[in-house]
Amino acid sequence: MDFDCELDVAGLNCPLPILRTKKALSGMESGQVLRVLATDPGSRRDFQDFADQTGNALLATHEENGLFAYFLRRR
């Protein structure tokens, strides 16, 4: 999937991945896509909840060898 920006929050635990994602999205234009790389297993639920609460679209998630990739479109 194509993306405009990438944020690596691997090694960080809740709530830091969400807080850094929120900050990164605030600096992006509407419609742009952010790819977030995380290692916190709880981040799956966190990113879905974040998308639901903020109106930013969670386009896709992918997990490989304990590394989670989330693609969010800025509202």
N, C-alpha and C. Protein backbone atom coordinates (compact mmCIF):
# COMPACT_ATOMS: atom_id res chain seq x y z
N MET A 1 0.85 -1.18 0.00
CA MET A 1 0.00 0.00 0.00
C MET A 1 0.89 1.24 0.00
N ASP A 2 0.49 2.22 -0.78
CA ASP A 2 1.23 3.48 -0.84
C ASP A 2 0.94 4.31 0.41
N PHE A 3 1.94 5.08 0.83
CA PHE A 3 1.77 5.96 1.99
C PHE A 3 2.61 7.21 1.79
N ASP A 4 2.22 8.27 2.50
CA ASP A 4 2.89 9.56 2.36
C ASP A 4 3.96 9.77 3.42
N CYS A 5 3.73 9.25 4.63
CA CYS A 5 4.66 9.41 5.75
C CYS A 5 4.75 8.10 6.51
N GLU A 6 5.85 7.95 7.22
CA GLU A 6 6.02 6.75 8.04
C GLU A 6 6.45 7.15 9.45
N LEU A 7 5.92 6.43 10.43
CA LEU A 7 6.24 6.66 11.82
C LEU A 7 6.66 5.34 12.44
N ASP A 8 7.85 5.27 12.99
CA ASP A 8 8.35 4.05 13.63
C ASP A 8 8.26 4.22 15.14
N VAL A 9 7.34 3.47 15.75
CA VAL A 9 7.18 3.50 17.20
C VAL A 9 7.48 2.12 17.80
N ALA A 10 8.27 1.34 17.06
CA ALA A 10 8.66 0.01 17.54
C ALA A 10 9.41 0.15 18.86
N GLY A 11 9.10 -0.74 19.79
CA GLY A 11 9.73 -0.72 21.09
C GLY A 11 9.01 0.13 22.13
N LEU A 12 8.04 0.91 21.70
CA LEU A 12 7.29 1.75 22.63
C LEU A 12 5.98 1.06 23.02
N ASN A 13 5.57 1.27 24.25
CA ASN A 13 4.33 0.69 24.75
C ASN A 13 3.27 1.77 24.93
N CYS A 14 2.03 1.31 25.04
CA CYS A 14 0.87 2.17 25.23
C CYS A 14 1.12 3.12 26.41
N PRO A 15 0.81 4.37 26.24
CA PRO A 15 0.06 5.03 25.17
C PRO A 15 0.93 5.73 24.14
N LEU A 16 2.25 5.57 24.21
CA LEU A 16 3.15 6.34 23.34
C LEU A 16 2.91 6.14 21.84
N PRO A 17 2.66 4.92 21.34
CA PRO A 17 2.40 4.80 19.90
C PRO A 17 1.21 5.63 19.43
N ILE A 18 0.14 5.64 20.20
CA ILE A 18 -1.04 6.42 19.81
C ILE A 18 -0.76 7.92 19.92
N LEU A 19 -0.10 8.34 20.98
CA LEU A 19 0.21 9.76 21.14
C LEU A 19 1.09 10.28 20.01
N ARG A 20 2.08 9.51 19.63
CA ARG A 20 2.97 9.93 18.53
C ARG A 20 2.26 9.88 17.19
N THR A 21 1.35 8.93 17.03
CA THR A 21 0.56 8.86 15.80
C THR A 21 -0.34 10.09 15.69
N LYS A 22 -0.98 10.45 16.78
CA LYS A 22 -1.85 11.63 16.79
C LYS A 22 -1.07 12.87 16.39
N LYS A 23 0.13 13.02 16.92
CA LYS A 23 0.97 14.17 16.60
C LYS A 23 1.37 14.15 15.12
N ALA A 24 1.76 12.99 14.62
CA ALA A 24 2.16 12.88 13.22
C ALA A 24 1.01 13.21 12.29
N LEU A 25 -0.19 12.70 12.58
CA LEU A 25 -1.35 12.97 11.74
C LEU A 25 -1.73 14.45 11.75
N SER A 26 -1.51 15.11 12.86
CA SER A 26 -1.88 16.53 12.94
C SER A 26 -1.03 17.38 12.00
N GLY A 27 0.13 16.91 11.63
CA GLY A 27 1.00 17.64 10.70
C GLY A 27 0.81 17.26 9.25
N MET A 28 -0.17 16.40 8.98
CA MET A 28 -0.41 15.93 7.62
C MET A 28 -1.67 16.58 7.06
N GLU A 29 -1.80 16.54 5.73
CA GLU A 29 -2.97 17.09 5.07
C GLU A 29 -4.06 16.03 4.98
N SER A 30 -5.30 16.48 4.89
CA SER A 30 -6.44 15.58 4.76
C SER A 30 -6.25 14.67 3.55
N GLY A 31 -6.50 13.37 3.75
CA GLY A 31 -6.38 12.40 2.67
C GLY A 31 -5.03 11.70 2.59
N GLN A 32 -4.02 12.26 3.25
CA GLN A 32 -2.71 11.62 3.22
C GLN A 32 -2.73 10.36 4.09
N VAL A 33 -1.82 9.43 3.77
CA VAL A 33 -1.76 8.15 4.46
C VAL A 33 -0.47 8.06 5.27
N LEU A 34 -0.62 7.64 6.51
CA LEU A 34 0.50 7.44 7.43
C LEU A 34 0.66 5.94 7.69
N ARG A 35 1.88 5.45 7.53
CA ARG A 35 2.18 4.07 7.91
C ARG A 35 2.88 4.11 9.25
N VAL A 36 2.35 3.35 10.22
CA VAL A 36 2.91 3.29 11.56
C VAL A 36 3.44 1.88 11.79
N LEU A 37 4.68 1.78 12.26
CA LEU A 37 5.29 0.49 12.61
C LEU A 37 5.38 0.39 14.11
N ALA A 38 4.81 -0.68 14.68
CA ALA A 38 4.75 -0.85 16.13
C ALA A 38 5.04 -2.30 16.50
N THR A 39 5.46 -2.50 17.75
CA THR A 39 5.72 -3.85 18.25
C THR A 39 4.83 -4.22 19.42
N ASP A 40 4.10 -3.28 19.97
CA ASP A 40 3.22 -3.54 21.12
C ASP A 40 2.03 -4.38 20.65
N PRO A 41 1.86 -5.61 21.18
CA PRO A 41 0.75 -6.46 20.74
C PRO A 41 -0.63 -5.84 21.01
N GLY A 42 -0.74 -5.00 22.02
CA GLY A 42 -2.00 -4.34 22.33
C GLY A 42 -2.34 -3.23 21.36
N SER A 43 -1.41 -2.90 20.49
CA SER A 43 -1.64 -1.78 19.57
C SER A 43 -2.74 -2.07 18.57
N ARG A 44 -3.01 -3.34 18.29
CA ARG A 44 -4.08 -3.67 17.35
C ARG A 44 -5.41 -3.07 17.79
N ARG A 45 -5.77 -3.31 19.01
CA ARG A 45 -7.01 -2.77 19.56
C ARG A 45 -6.92 -1.25 19.68
N ASP A 46 -5.75 -0.77 20.13
CA ASP A 46 -5.56 0.66 20.32
C ASP A 46 -5.76 1.45 19.02
N PHE A 47 -5.18 0.96 17.92
CA PHE A 47 -5.29 1.69 16.67
C PHE A 47 -6.69 1.65 16.10
N GLN A 48 -7.41 0.54 16.28
CA GLN A 48 -8.80 0.48 15.83
C GLN A 48 -9.65 1.46 16.63
N ASP A 49 -9.47 1.47 17.95
CA ASP A 49 -10.20 2.42 18.80
C ASP A 49 -9.87 3.86 18.44
N PHE A 50 -8.59 4.13 18.20
CA PHE A 50 -8.15 5.47 17.84
C PHE A 50 -8.84 5.93 16.55
N ALA A 51 -8.87 5.06 15.55
CA ALA A 51 -9.51 5.40 14.28
C ALA A 51 -11.00 5.66 14.48
N ASP A 52 -11.65 4.81 15.24
CA ASP A 52 -13.08 4.98 15.49
C ASP A 52 -13.39 6.29 16.20
N GLN A 53 -12.55 6.66 17.15
CA GLN A 53 -12.80 7.86 17.95
C GLN A 53 -12.44 9.16 17.24
N THR A 54 -11.46 9.11 16.34
CA THR A 54 -10.98 10.35 15.72
C THR A 54 -11.51 10.59 14.31
N GLY A 55 -12.05 9.56 13.68
CA GLY A 55 -12.54 9.72 12.31
C GLY A 55 -11.48 9.52 11.26
N ASN A 56 -10.25 9.25 11.68
CA ASN A 56 -9.20 8.88 10.72
C ASN A 56 -9.44 7.43 10.34
N ALA A 57 -9.28 7.10 9.06
CA ALA A 57 -9.60 5.75 8.58
C ALA A 57 -8.42 4.81 8.76
N LEU A 58 -8.67 3.68 9.41
CA LEU A 58 -7.68 2.61 9.49
C LEU A 58 -7.86 1.77 8.23
N LEU A 59 -6.98 1.96 7.26
CA LEU A 59 -7.13 1.34 5.95
C LEU A 59 -6.71 -0.12 5.95
N ALA A 60 -5.65 -0.44 6.68
CA ALA A 60 -5.13 -1.82 6.68
C ALA A 60 -4.22 -2.02 7.87
N THR A 61 -4.11 -3.28 8.27
CA THR A 61 -3.14 -3.68 9.28
C THR A 61 -2.41 -4.90 8.75
N HIS A 62 -1.17 -5.02 9.15
CA HIS A 62 -0.36 -6.15 8.71
C HIS A 62 0.59 -6.51 9.84
N GLU A 63 0.76 -7.81 10.11
CA GLU A 63 1.69 -8.26 11.15
C GLU A 63 2.63 -9.29 10.57
N GLU A 64 3.91 -9.09 10.85
CA GLU A 64 4.92 -10.06 10.41
C GLU A 64 6.03 -10.11 11.44
N ASN A 65 6.21 -11.29 12.03
CA ASN A 65 7.28 -11.52 13.01
C ASN A 65 7.25 -10.52 14.16
N GLY A 66 6.06 -10.21 14.66
CA GLY A 66 5.94 -9.32 15.81
C GLY A 66 6.00 -7.84 15.48
N LEU A 67 6.09 -7.50 14.20
CA LEU A 67 6.08 -6.09 13.79
C LEU A 67 4.73 -5.81 13.13
N PHE A 68 4.01 -4.85 13.68
CA PHE A 68 2.69 -4.49 13.17
C PHE A 68 2.81 -3.23 12.33
N ALA A 69 2.14 -3.24 11.18
CA ALA A 69 2.09 -2.06 10.32
C ALA A 69 0.63 -1.62 10.22
N TYR A 70 0.39 -0.35 10.47
CA TYR A 70 -0.95 0.23 10.40
C TYR A 70 -0.93 1.34 9.36
N PHE A 71 -1.95 1.39 8.53
CA PHE A 71 -2.09 2.42 7.53
C PHE A 71 -3.33 3.25 7.87
N LEU A 72 -3.11 4.52 8.15
CA LEU A 72 -4.21 5.41 8.54
C LEU A 72 -4.30 6.57 7.54
N ARG A 73 -5.53 6.86 7.11
CA ARG A 73 -5.76 8.02 6.24
C ARG A 73 -6.26 9.18 7.08
N ARG A 74 -5.58 10.31 6.95
CA ARG A 74 -5.93 11.53 7.70
C ARG A 74 -7.30 12.03 7.25
N ARG A 75 -8.14 12.32 8.22
CA ARG A 75 -9.50 12.79 7.89
C ARG A 75 -9.45 14.21 7.36
